[in-house]
Amino acid sequence: MRTIIGMLILVFSTAFPVRLSAQIIYGSNPKAGHFVNVNGIKLYYEVYGAGHPLLLLHGNGGSIHSMRYQIPELSKYFKVIVVDSRAQGRSTDTDEPLTFTLMASDMAGLLDSLHIDSAYVVGWSDGGIIGLSLALNYPQKVAKLIADGANFVPDSTALPASMIEEMAATSFSKLSQSEQEEIVKNSYSPKRAGIIFDKLNELDLKHPNFTLDQLHSIQAPTLVMAGDHDIIRLQHTIKLFKNLPHSQLCIVPGAQHNLLQTRHNLANRIIIDFLDRPFVDIK
């Protein structure tokens, strides 16, 4: 359990902004930040740059700040709309269970509120899964999709069995007092921090559940990315790539699940190239 607890606390702790002088604080920038009401919540987002809209989505337990290595570079080429997903960052939550279908509906509502008919979507981990759900359920909204470190089922074909076992045994109530205090301290909703921790853990334990037929129906040109040492099994990533009808595959060498942070210069070049270059199916 220590591996999963440590990973979740690390993500929660690093997802929130640290103020540095003379720098933009992504995720806490009043000049770029806005709230919009969608599906009974207040969804927080920030906008940077100009050009074709690009929706940028973080991973489980993260926030806008998780994408701080992408925003400056991508906003040179695109209008970047970077979002705190439901129950994370500054975005609020309801008592509804978290699902990727619901979270994709949030993003469709955000794009509608901005009068954006179609956007590029770049998602990391859970953000990539939200992107897949958005492309499946709101196909007109997704011009191109990049899904980095995403899985399409939650079982041991996608994730290590030991990780699934640890997730199943993990809950906020089982954490030490210091671990609980760390999560509460880093939450914008301290009174609901424990509830949200458990909901986010359950989200990845039970979801997503895409069928192969659903993947086959996704028409958006898609780049499937992962690190060669990603926590998502390589064969699962390849299976996702092979079952998307208009897809390309990029496995980044010497990279783990957090390649957007640790290999961000290379990752950003790959993202920009895929989005700027006309997509051609290779037969």
C-alpha atoms as a PDB file:
ATOM      1  CA  MET A   1       0.000   0.000   0.000  1.00  0.00           C
ATOM      2  CA  ARG A   2       2.883   2.370   0.695  1.00  0.00           C
ATOM      3  CA  THR A   3       3.666   2.664  -3.013  1.00  0.00           C
ATOM      4  CA  ILE A   4       0.171   3.810  -3.953  1.00  0.00           C
ATOM      5  CA  ILE A   5      -0.280   6.060  -0.918  1.00  0.00           C
ATOM      6  CA  GLY A   6       3.068   7.678  -1.555  1.00  0.00           C
ATOM      7  CA  MET A   7       2.271   8.213  -5.229  1.00  0.00           C
ATOM      8  CA  LEU A   8      -1.149   9.732  -4.496  1.00  0.00           C
ATOM      9  CA  ILE A   9       0.185  12.057  -1.804  1.00  0.00           C
ATOM     10  CA  LEU A  10       3.034  13.109  -4.088  1.00  0.00           C
ATOM     11  CA  VAL A  11       0.583  13.928  -6.884  1.00  0.00           C
ATOM     12  CA  PHE A  12      -1.676  15.867  -4.508  1.00  0.00           C
ATOM     13  CA  SER A  13       1.282  17.756  -3.063  1.00  0.00           C
ATOM     14  CA  THR A  14       2.883  18.702  -6.398  1.00  0.00           C
ATOM     15  CA  ALA A  15      -0.390  19.577  -8.101  1.00  0.00           C
ATOM     16  CA  PHE A  16      -0.706  22.862  -6.274  1.00  0.00           C
ATOM     17  CA  PRO A  17       1.169  26.032  -7.138  1.00  0.00           C
ATOM     18  CA  VAL A  18       4.267  27.215  -5.349  1.00  0.00           C
ATOM     19  CA  ARG A  19       4.706  30.976  -5.597  1.00  0.00           C
ATOM     20  CA  LEU A  20       7.950  32.133  -7.153  1.00  0.00           C
ATOM     21  CA  SER A  21       8.659  35.802  -7.777  1.00  0.00           C
ATOM     22  CA  ALA A  22       8.427  37.158 -11.334  1.00  0.00           C
ATOM     23  CA  GLN A  23       6.848  33.948 -12.616  1.00  0.00           C
ATOM     24  CA  ILE A  24       3.355  33.082 -13.769  1.00  0.00           C
ATOM     25  CA  ILE A  25       1.745  30.809 -11.201  1.00  0.00           C
ATOM     26  CA  TYR A  26      -0.127  28.345 -13.402  1.00  0.00           C
ATOM     27  CA  GLY A  27      -3.264  27.254 -11.610  1.00  0.00           C
ATOM     28  CA  SER A  28      -3.351  30.436  -9.536  1.00  0.00           C
ATOM     29  CA  ASN A  29      -3.240  33.236 -12.081  1.00  0.00           C
ATOM     30  CA  PRO A  30      -6.082  35.761 -11.651  1.00  0.00           C
ATOM     31  CA  LYS A  31      -5.264  37.386 -14.999  1.00  0.00           C
ATOM     32  CA  ALA A  32      -5.956  34.155 -16.871  1.00  0.00           C
ATOM     33  CA  GLY A  33      -8.342  32.338 -14.521  1.00  0.00           C
ATOM     34  CA  HIS A  34     -12.097  31.920 -14.837  1.00  0.00           C
ATOM     35  CA  PHE A  35     -14.939  29.812 -13.449  1.00  0.00           C
ATOM     36  CA  VAL A  36     -17.844  28.416 -15.435  1.00  0.00           C
ATOM     37  CA  ASN A  37     -20.939  26.632 -14.124  1.00  0.00           C
ATOM     38  CA  VAL A  38     -21.361  23.189 -15.696  1.00  0.00           C
ATOM     39  CA  ASN A  39     -23.227  20.089 -14.507  1.00  0.00           C
ATOM     40  CA  GLY A  40     -23.801  21.508 -11.029  1.00  0.00           C
ATOM     41  CA  ILE A  41     -20.166  22.454 -10.336  1.00  0.00           C
ATOM     42  CA  LYS A  42     -17.869  25.431 -10.748  1.00  0.00           C
ATOM     43  CA  LEU A  43     -15.159  24.434 -13.208  1.00  0.00           C
ATOM     44  CA  TYR A  44     -11.939  26.449 -13.006  1.00  0.00           C
ATOM     45  CA  TYR A  45      -9.838  27.086 -16.107  1.00  0.00           C
ATOM     46  CA  GLU A  46      -7.120  29.390 -17.382  1.00  0.00           C
ATOM     47  CA  VAL A  47      -6.500  30.601 -20.941  1.00  0.00           C
ATOM     48  CA  TYR A  48      -3.130  31.373 -22.542  1.00  0.00           C
ATOM     49  CA  GLY A  49      -2.019  32.248 -26.073  1.00  0.00           C
ATOM     50  CA  ALA A  50      -3.920  32.502 -29.338  1.00  0.00           C
ATOM     51  CA  GLY A  51      -4.700  30.299 -32.300  1.00  0.00           C
ATOM     52  CA  HIS A  52      -6.580  27.024 -32.649  1.00  0.00           C
ATOM     53  CA  PRO A  53      -8.119  26.061 -29.269  1.00  0.00           C
ATOM     54  CA  LEU A  54      -6.253  23.369 -27.336  1.00  0.00           C
ATOM     55  CA  LEU A  55      -7.856  21.781 -24.275  1.00  0.00           C
ATOM     56  CA  LEU A  56      -5.143  20.641 -21.837  1.00  0.00           C
ATOM     57  CA  LEU A  57      -6.103  18.056 -19.180  1.00  0.00           C
ATOM     58  CA  HIS A  58      -4.129  16.888 -16.135  1.00  0.00           C
ATOM     59  CA  GLY A  59      -4.036  13.490 -14.412  1.00  0.00           C
ATOM     60  CA  ASN A  60      -5.693  12.020 -11.322  1.00  0.00           C
ATOM     61  CA  GLY A  61      -5.289  14.145  -8.191  1.00  0.00           C
ATOM     62  CA  GLY A  62      -3.567  16.873 -10.195  1.00  0.00           C
ATOM     63  CA  SER A  63      -4.444  20.382 -11.291  1.00  0.00           C
ATOM     64  CA  ILE A  64      -3.571  23.001 -13.880  1.00  0.00           C
ATOM     65  CA  HIS A  65      -0.197  23.330 -12.162  1.00  0.00           C
ATOM     66  CA  SER A  66       0.624  19.744 -13.192  1.00  0.00           C
ATOM     67  CA  MET A  67       0.793  20.986 -16.800  1.00  0.00           C
ATOM     68  CA  ARG A  68       3.142  23.886 -16.070  1.00  0.00           C
ATOM     69  CA  TYR A  69       5.807  22.499 -18.408  1.00  0.00           C
ATOM     70  CA  GLN A  70       3.387  22.414 -21.351  1.00  0.00           C
ATOM     71  CA  ILE A  71       1.532  25.726 -21.024  1.00  0.00           C
ATOM     72  CA  PRO A  72       4.356  28.183 -21.891  1.00  0.00           C
ATOM     73  CA  GLU A  73       5.473  26.297 -25.005  1.00  0.00           C
ATOM     74  CA  LEU A  74       2.081  25.216 -26.349  1.00  0.00           C
ATOM     75  CA  SER A  75       0.628  28.696 -25.875  1.00  0.00           C
ATOM     76  CA  LYS A  76       3.122  30.000 -28.441  1.00  0.00           C
ATOM     77  CA  TYR A  77       1.215  28.052 -31.089  1.00  0.00           C
ATOM     78  CA  PHE A  78      -2.330  27.536 -29.749  1.00  0.00           C
ATOM     79  CA  LYS A  79      -5.016  29.056 -27.568  1.00  0.00           C
ATOM     80  CA  VAL A  80      -4.451  26.841 -24.531  1.00  0.00           C
ATOM     81  CA  ILE A  81      -7.440  26.221 -22.280  1.00  0.00           C
ATOM     82  CA  VAL A  82      -6.091  24.382 -19.258  1.00  0.00           C
ATOM     83  CA  VAL A  83      -8.597  23.030 -16.749  1.00  0.00           C
ATOM     84  CA  ASP A  84      -8.857  21.803 -13.180  1.00  0.00           C
ATOM     85  CA  SER A  85     -10.971  18.674 -13.609  1.00  0.00           C
ATOM     86  CA  ARG A  86     -14.001  18.147 -11.370  1.00  0.00           C
ATOM     87  CA  ALA A  87     -13.093  17.679  -7.660  1.00  0.00           C
ATOM     88  CA  GLN A  88      -9.481  18.683  -8.328  1.00  0.00           C
ATOM     89  CA  GLY A  89      -7.590  21.942  -8.070  1.00  0.00           C
ATOM     90  CA  ARG A  90     -10.025  24.840  -7.710  1.00  0.00           C
ATOM     91  CA  SER A  91     -12.944  23.050  -9.382  1.00  0.00           C
ATOM     92  CA  THR A  92     -15.767  21.968  -7.103  1.00  0.00           C
ATOM     93  CA  ASP A  93     -17.535  18.642  -6.751  1.00  0.00           C
ATOM     94  CA  THR A  94     -20.958  17.119  -6.084  1.00  0.00           C
ATOM     95  CA  ASP A  95     -21.974  13.931  -4.319  1.00  0.00           C
ATOM     96  CA  GLU A  96     -22.174  12.105  -7.671  1.00  0.00           C
ATOM     97  CA  PRO A  97     -19.605   9.340  -8.203  1.00  0.00           C
ATOM     98  CA  LEU A  98     -16.763  10.356 -10.476  1.00  0.00           C
ATOM     99  CA  THR A  99     -16.803   8.858 -13.959  1.00  0.00           C
ATOM    100  CA  PHE A 100     -14.906   9.762 -17.086  1.00  0.00           C
ATOM    101  CA  THR A 101     -18.197  10.125 -18.958  1.00  0.00           C
ATOM    102  CA  LEU A 102     -19.304  12.790 -16.483  1.00  0.00           C
ATOM    103  CA  MET A 103     -15.938  14.548 -16.644  1.00  0.00           C
ATOM    104  CA  ALA A 104     -16.033  14.544 -20.451  1.00  0.00           C
ATOM    105  CA  SER A 105     -19.490  16.124 -20.217  1.00  0.00           C
ATOM    106  CA  ASP A 106     -17.931  18.855 -18.041  1.00  0.00           C
ATOM    107  CA  MET A 107     -15.372  19.576 -20.761  1.00  0.00           C
ATOM    108  CA  ALA A 108     -18.011  19.644 -23.495  1.00  0.00           C
ATOM    109  CA  GLY A 109     -19.948  22.149 -21.376  1.00  0.00           C
ATOM    110  CA  LEU A 110     -16.836  24.273 -20.944  1.00  0.00           C
ATOM    111  CA  LEU A 111     -16.197  24.326 -24.704  1.00  0.00           C
ATOM    112  CA  ASP A 112     -19.845  25.235 -25.316  1.00  0.00           C
ATOM    113  CA  SER A 113     -19.581  28.116 -22.844  1.00  0.00           C
ATOM    114  CA  LEU A 114     -16.560  29.408 -24.781  1.00  0.00           C
ATOM    115  CA  HIS A 115     -18.397  28.956 -28.100  1.00  0.00           C
ATOM    116  CA  ILE A 116     -15.743  26.499 -29.279  1.00  0.00           C
ATOM    117  CA  ASP A 117     -17.100  23.951 -31.745  1.00  0.00           C
ATOM    118  CA  SER A 118     -13.886  21.941 -32.084  1.00  0.00           C
ATOM    119  CA  ALA A 119     -10.585  21.837 -30.209  1.00  0.00           C
ATOM    120  CA  TYR A 120      -7.370  19.912 -30.033  1.00  0.00           C
ATOM    121  CA  VAL A 121      -7.294  17.852 -26.836  1.00  0.00           C
ATOM    122  CA  VAL A 122      -4.107  16.884 -25.005  1.00  0.00           C
ATOM    123  CA  GLY A 123      -4.584  14.754 -21.908  1.00  0.00           C
ATOM    124  CA  TRP A 124      -2.180  13.104 -19.504  1.00  0.00           C
ATOM    125  CA  SER A 125      -3.173   9.904 -17.677  1.00  0.00           C
ATOM    126  CA  ASP A 126      -6.777  10.455 -16.473  1.00  0.00           C
ATOM    127  CA  GLY A 127      -6.810  13.539 -18.709  1.00  0.00           C
ATOM    128  CA  GLY A 128      -6.098  11.270 -21.681  1.00  0.00           C
ATOM    129  CA  ILE A 129      -9.012   9.046 -20.649  1.00  0.00           C
ATOM    130  CA  ILE A 130     -11.281  12.101 -20.442  1.00  0.00           C
ATOM    131  CA  GLY A 131     -10.068  12.972 -23.947  1.00  0.00           C
ATOM    132  CA  LEU A 132     -11.012   9.514 -25.229  1.00  0.00           C
ATOM    133  CA  SER A 133     -14.458   9.839 -23.636  1.00  0.00           C
ATOM    134  CA  LEU A 134     -14.883  13.302 -25.133  1.00  0.00           C
ATOM    135  CA  ALA A 135     -13.937  11.986 -28.595  1.00  0.00           C
ATOM    136  CA  LEU A 136     -16.371   9.083 -28.182  1.00  0.00           C
ATOM    137  CA  ASN A 137     -19.372  10.995 -26.835  1.00  0.00           C
ATOM    138  CA  TYR A 138     -18.837  14.444 -28.389  1.00  0.00           C
ATOM    139  CA  PRO A 139     -16.959  13.650 -31.606  1.00  0.00           C
ATOM    140  CA  GLN A 140     -17.538  17.073 -33.130  1.00  0.00           C
ATOM    141  CA  LYS A 141     -15.653  18.661 -30.221  1.00  0.00           C
ATOM    142  CA  VAL A 142     -12.332  16.886 -30.847  1.00  0.00           C
ATOM    143  CA  ALA A 143     -10.310  17.863 -33.919  1.00  0.00           C
ATOM    144  CA  LYS A 144      -7.257  15.869 -32.791  1.00  0.00           C
ATOM    145  CA  LEU A 145      -6.464  14.001 -29.601  1.00  0.00           C
ATOM    146  CA  ILE A 146      -3.240  13.196 -27.786  1.00  0.00           C
ATOM    147  CA  ALA A 147      -3.641  10.651 -24.985  1.00  0.00           C
ATOM    148  CA  ASP A 148      -0.502  10.204 -22.896  1.00  0.00           C
ATOM    149  CA  GLY A 149      -0.321   7.381 -20.359  1.00  0.00           C
ATOM    150  CA  ALA A 150      -4.000   6.482 -20.753  1.00  0.00           C
ATOM    151  CA  ASN A 151      -5.679   3.106 -20.260  1.00  0.00           C
ATOM    152  CA  PHE A 152      -9.074   2.005 -21.580  1.00  0.00           C
ATOM    153  CA  VAL A 153      -9.878  -0.667 -18.955  1.00  0.00           C
ATOM    154  CA  PRO A 154      -8.842  -0.754 -15.252  1.00  0.00           C
ATOM    155  CA  ASP A 155      -7.735  -4.379 -14.956  1.00  0.00           C
ATOM    156  CA  SER A 156      -4.364  -6.132 -14.814  1.00  0.00           C
ATOM    157  CA  THR A 157      -4.009  -6.093 -18.591  1.00  0.00           C
ATOM    158  CA  ALA A 158      -3.497  -2.355 -18.197  1.00  0.00           C
ATOM    159  CA  LEU A 159      -2.037  -1.921 -14.721  1.00  0.00           C
ATOM    160  CA  PRO A 160       0.228  -4.065 -12.544  1.00  0.00           C
ATOM    161  CA  ALA A 161      -1.835  -6.423 -10.382  1.00  0.00           C
ATOM    162  CA  SER A 162       0.069  -5.247  -7.302  1.00  0.00           C
ATOM    163  CA  MET A 163      -0.992  -1.668  -8.002  1.00  0.00           C
ATOM    164  CA  ILE A 164      -4.647  -2.662  -8.317  1.00  0.00           C
ATOM    165  CA  GLU A 165      -4.446  -4.574  -5.023  1.00  0.00           C
ATOM    166  CA  GLU A 166      -2.899  -1.578  -3.300  1.00  0.00           C
ATOM    167  CA  MET A 167      -5.532   0.782  -4.700  1.00  0.00           C
ATOM    168  CA  ALA A 168      -8.286  -1.542  -3.497  1.00  0.00           C
ATOM    169  CA  ALA A 169      -6.776  -1.522   0.001  1.00  0.00           C
ATOM    170  CA  THR A 170      -6.249   2.253   0.090  1.00  0.00           C
ATOM    171  CA  SER A 171      -8.621   4.765   1.684  1.00  0.00           C
ATOM    172  CA  PHE A 172      -8.245   8.111   3.398  1.00  0.00           C
ATOM    173  CA  SER A 173      -9.207   6.621   6.761  1.00  0.00           C
ATOM    174  CA  LYS A 174      -6.310   4.144   6.561  1.00  0.00           C
ATOM    175  CA  LEU A 175      -3.673   6.832   6.062  1.00  0.00           C
ATOM    176  CA  SER A 176      -1.497   8.006   8.918  1.00  0.00           C
ATOM    177  CA  GLN A 177      -2.388  11.289  10.581  1.00  0.00           C
ATOM    178  CA  SER A 178       0.550  13.042   8.916  1.00  0.00           C
ATOM    179  CA  GLU A 179      -0.512  11.736   5.482  1.00  0.00           C
ATOM    180  CA  GLN A 180      -4.075  12.903   6.052  1.00  0.00           C
ATOM    181  CA  GLU A 181      -2.863  16.316   7.184  1.00  0.00           C
ATOM    182  CA  GLU A 182      -0.687  16.647   4.068  1.00  0.00           C
ATOM    183  CA  ILE A 183      -3.650  15.954   1.778  1.00  0.00           C
ATOM    184  CA  VAL A 184      -5.961  18.320   3.674  1.00  0.00           C
ATOM    185  CA  LYS A 185      -3.320  21.066   3.676  1.00  0.00           C
ATOM    186  CA  ASN A 186      -2.928  20.873  -0.104  1.00  0.00           C
ATOM    187  CA  SER A 187      -6.648  20.780  -0.904  1.00  0.00           C
ATOM    188  CA  TYR A 188      -8.762  23.740  -2.002  1.00  0.00           C
ATOM    189  CA  SER A 189     -11.679  21.877  -0.346  1.00  0.00           C
ATOM    190  CA  PRO A 190     -10.169  20.815   2.999  1.00  0.00           C
ATOM    191  CA  LYS A 191     -13.487  19.702   4.496  1.00  0.00           C
ATOM    192  CA  ARG A 192     -14.030  17.318   1.565  1.00  0.00           C
ATOM    193  CA  ALA A 193     -10.394  16.318   1.066  1.00  0.00           C
ATOM    194  CA  GLY A 194     -10.887  12.809   2.446  1.00  0.00           C
ATOM    195  CA  ILE A 195     -14.038  12.217   0.396  1.00  0.00           C
ATOM    196  CA  ILE A 196     -12.320  13.459  -2.744  1.00  0.00           C
ATOM    197  CA  PHE A 197      -9.231  11.307  -2.100  1.00  0.00           C
ATOM    198  CA  ASP A 198     -11.426   8.201  -1.905  1.00  0.00           C
ATOM    199  CA  LYS A 199     -13.485   9.191  -4.957  1.00  0.00           C
ATOM    200  CA  LEU A 200     -10.364   9.721  -7.070  1.00  0.00           C
ATOM    201  CA  ASN A 201      -8.917   6.396  -5.936  1.00  0.00           C
ATOM    202  CA  GLU A 202     -12.192   4.617  -6.772  1.00  0.00           C
ATOM    203  CA  LEU A 203     -12.339   6.345 -10.161  1.00  0.00           C
ATOM    204  CA  ASP A 204      -9.135   4.669 -11.327  1.00  0.00           C
ATOM    205  CA  LEU A 205      -9.972   1.407  -9.574  1.00  0.00           C
ATOM    206  CA  LYS A 206     -13.294   0.975 -11.419  1.00  0.00           C
ATOM    207  CA  HIS A 207     -12.904   3.039 -14.585  1.00  0.00           C
ATOM    208  CA  PRO A 208     -12.589   3.431 -17.540  1.00  0.00           C
ATOM    209  CA  ASN A 209     -14.456   0.631 -19.276  1.00  0.00           C
ATOM    210  CA  PHE A 210     -14.272   1.272 -23.008  1.00  0.00           C
ATOM    211  CA  THR A 211     -15.251  -1.615 -25.254  1.00  0.00           C
ATOM    212  CA  LEU A 212     -13.241  -2.303 -28.377  1.00  0.00           C
ATOM    213  CA  ASP A 213     -16.301  -1.358 -30.450  1.00  0.00           C
ATOM    214  CA  GLN A 214     -16.346   2.023 -28.731  1.00  0.00           C
ATOM    215  CA  LEU A 215     -12.662   2.564 -29.487  1.00  0.00           C
ATOM    216  CA  HIS A 216     -13.287   1.571 -33.112  1.00  0.00           C
ATOM    217  CA  SER A 217     -15.944   4.293 -33.353  1.00  0.00           C
ATOM    218  CA  ILE A 218     -13.615   7.130 -32.335  1.00  0.00           C
ATOM    219  CA  GLN A 219     -12.836   9.060 -35.492  1.00  0.00           C
ATOM    220  CA  ALA A 220     -10.537  11.785 -34.168  1.00  0.00           C
ATOM    221  CA  PRO A 221      -6.922  11.531 -35.335  1.00  0.00           C
ATOM    222  CA  THR A 222      -5.168  10.373 -32.187  1.00  0.00           C
ATOM    223  CA  LEU A 223      -1.598  10.177 -30.969  1.00  0.00           C
ATOM    224  CA  VAL A 224      -1.192   7.531 -28.266  1.00  0.00           C
ATOM    225  CA  MET A 225       1.835   8.360 -26.108  1.00  0.00           C
ATOM    226  CA  ALA A 226       3.544   6.623 -23.207  1.00  0.00           C
ATOM    227  CA  GLY A 227       6.928   6.225 -21.607  1.00  0.00           C
ATOM    228  CA  ASP A 228       8.816   3.014 -22.251  1.00  0.00           C
ATOM    229  CA  HIS A 229       8.728   2.503 -18.453  1.00  0.00           C
ATOM    230  CA  ASP A 230       5.181   3.784 -18.008  1.00  0.00           C
ATOM    231  CA  ILE A 231       2.969   2.389 -15.268  1.00  0.00           C
ATOM    232  CA  ILE A 232       0.485   1.531 -18.037  1.00  0.00           C
ATOM    233  CA  ARG A 233       1.583  -1.761 -19.554  1.00  0.00           C
ATOM    234  CA  LEU A 234       3.251  -1.351 -22.939  1.00  0.00           C
ATOM    235  CA  GLN A 235       1.099  -4.046 -24.559  1.00  0.00           C
ATOM    236  CA  HIS A 236      -2.013  -2.272 -23.342  1.00  0.00           C
ATOM    237  CA  THR A 237      -0.829   1.018 -24.852  1.00  0.00           C
ATOM    238  CA  ILE A 238      -0.165  -0.777 -28.141  1.00  0.00           C
ATOM    239  CA  LYS A 239      -3.622  -2.368 -28.016  1.00  0.00           C
ATOM    240  CA  LEU A 240      -5.181   1.075 -27.531  1.00  0.00           C
ATOM    241  CA  PHE A 241      -3.244   2.360 -30.529  1.00  0.00           C
ATOM    242  CA  LYS A 242      -4.253  -0.594 -32.722  1.00  0.00           C
ATOM    243  CA  ASN A 243      -7.953  -0.246 -31.898  1.00  0.00           C
ATOM    244  CA  LEU A 244      -8.248   3.449 -32.690  1.00  0.00           C
ATOM    245  CA  PRO A 245      -8.953   3.699 -36.424  1.00  0.00           C
ATOM    246  CA  HIS A 246      -6.961   6.906 -37.038  1.00  0.00           C
ATOM    247  CA  SER A 247      -4.013   6.699 -34.695  1.00  0.00           C
ATOM    248  CA  GLN A 248      -0.278   6.969 -34.344  1.00  0.00           C
ATOM    249  CA  LEU A 249       1.951   5.649 -31.563  1.00  0.00           C
ATOM    250  CA  CYS A 250       4.810   7.332 -29.702  1.00  0.00           C
ATOM    251  CA  ILE A 251       6.785   5.497 -27.015  1.00  0.00           C
ATOM    252  CA  VAL A 252       9.243   7.886 -25.383  1.00  0.00           C
ATOM    253  CA  PRO A 253      12.539   6.236 -24.396  1.00  0.00           C
ATOM    254  CA  GLY A 254      13.830   6.538 -20.856  1.00  0.00           C
ATOM    255  CA  ALA A 255      10.492   7.847 -19.593  1.00  0.00           C
ATOM    256  CA  GLN A 256       7.967   6.847 -16.974  1.00  0.00           C
ATOM    257  CA  HIS A 257       4.328   7.841 -16.451  1.00  0.00           C
ATOM    258  CA  ASN A 258       5.309  11.451 -15.743  1.00  0.00           C
ATOM    259  CA  LEU A 259       7.086  12.016 -19.055  1.00  0.00           C
ATOM    260  CA  LEU A 260       5.286  15.357 -19.607  1.00  0.00           C
ATOM    261  CA  GLN A 261       7.205  16.636 -16.605  1.00  0.00           C
ATOM    262  CA  THR A 262      10.522  14.789 -16.861  1.00  0.00           C
ATOM    263  CA  ARG A 263      10.883  14.805 -20.664  1.00  0.00           C
ATOM    264  CA  HIS A 264       8.856  17.924 -21.345  1.00  0.00           C
ATOM    265  CA  ASN A 265      11.092  19.458 -24.022  1.00  0.00           C
ATOM    266  CA  LEU A 266      10.869  16.348 -26.181  1.00  0.00           C
ATOM    267  CA  ALA A 267       7.197  15.777 -25.360  1.00  0.00           C
ATOM    268  CA  ASN A 268       6.247  19.339 -26.270  1.00  0.00           C
ATOM    269  CA  ARG A 269       7.990  19.052 -29.654  1.00  0.00           C
ATOM    270  CA  ILE A 270       6.120  15.807 -30.361  1.00  0.00           C
ATOM    271  CA  ILE A 271       2.792  17.380 -29.357  1.00  0.00           C
ATOM    272  CA  ILE A 272       3.285  20.460 -31.522  1.00  0.00           C
ATOM    273  CA  ASP A 273       4.422  18.384 -34.507  1.00  0.00           C
ATOM    274  CA  PHE A 274       1.386  16.086 -34.314  1.00  0.00           C
ATOM    275  CA  LEU A 275      -1.096  18.933 -33.972  1.00  0.00           C
ATOM    276  CA  ASP A 276       0.457  21.152 -36.654  1.00  0.00           C
ATOM    277  CA  ARG A 277       1.087  18.436 -39.247  1.00  0.00           C
ATOM    278  CA  PRO A 278      -1.784  17.237 -41.468  1.00  0.00           C
ATOM    279  CA  PHE A 279      -2.827  13.798 -40.294  1.00  0.00           C
ATOM    280  CA  VAL A 280      -2.451  10.956 -42.798  1.00  0.00           C
ATOM    281  CA  ASP A 281      -3.500   7.365 -42.149  1.00  0.00           C
ATOM    282  CA  ILE A 282      -0.651   5.007 -42.998  1.00  0.00           C
ATOM    283  CA  LYS A 283      -1.928   1.834 -44.569  1.00  0.00           C
END
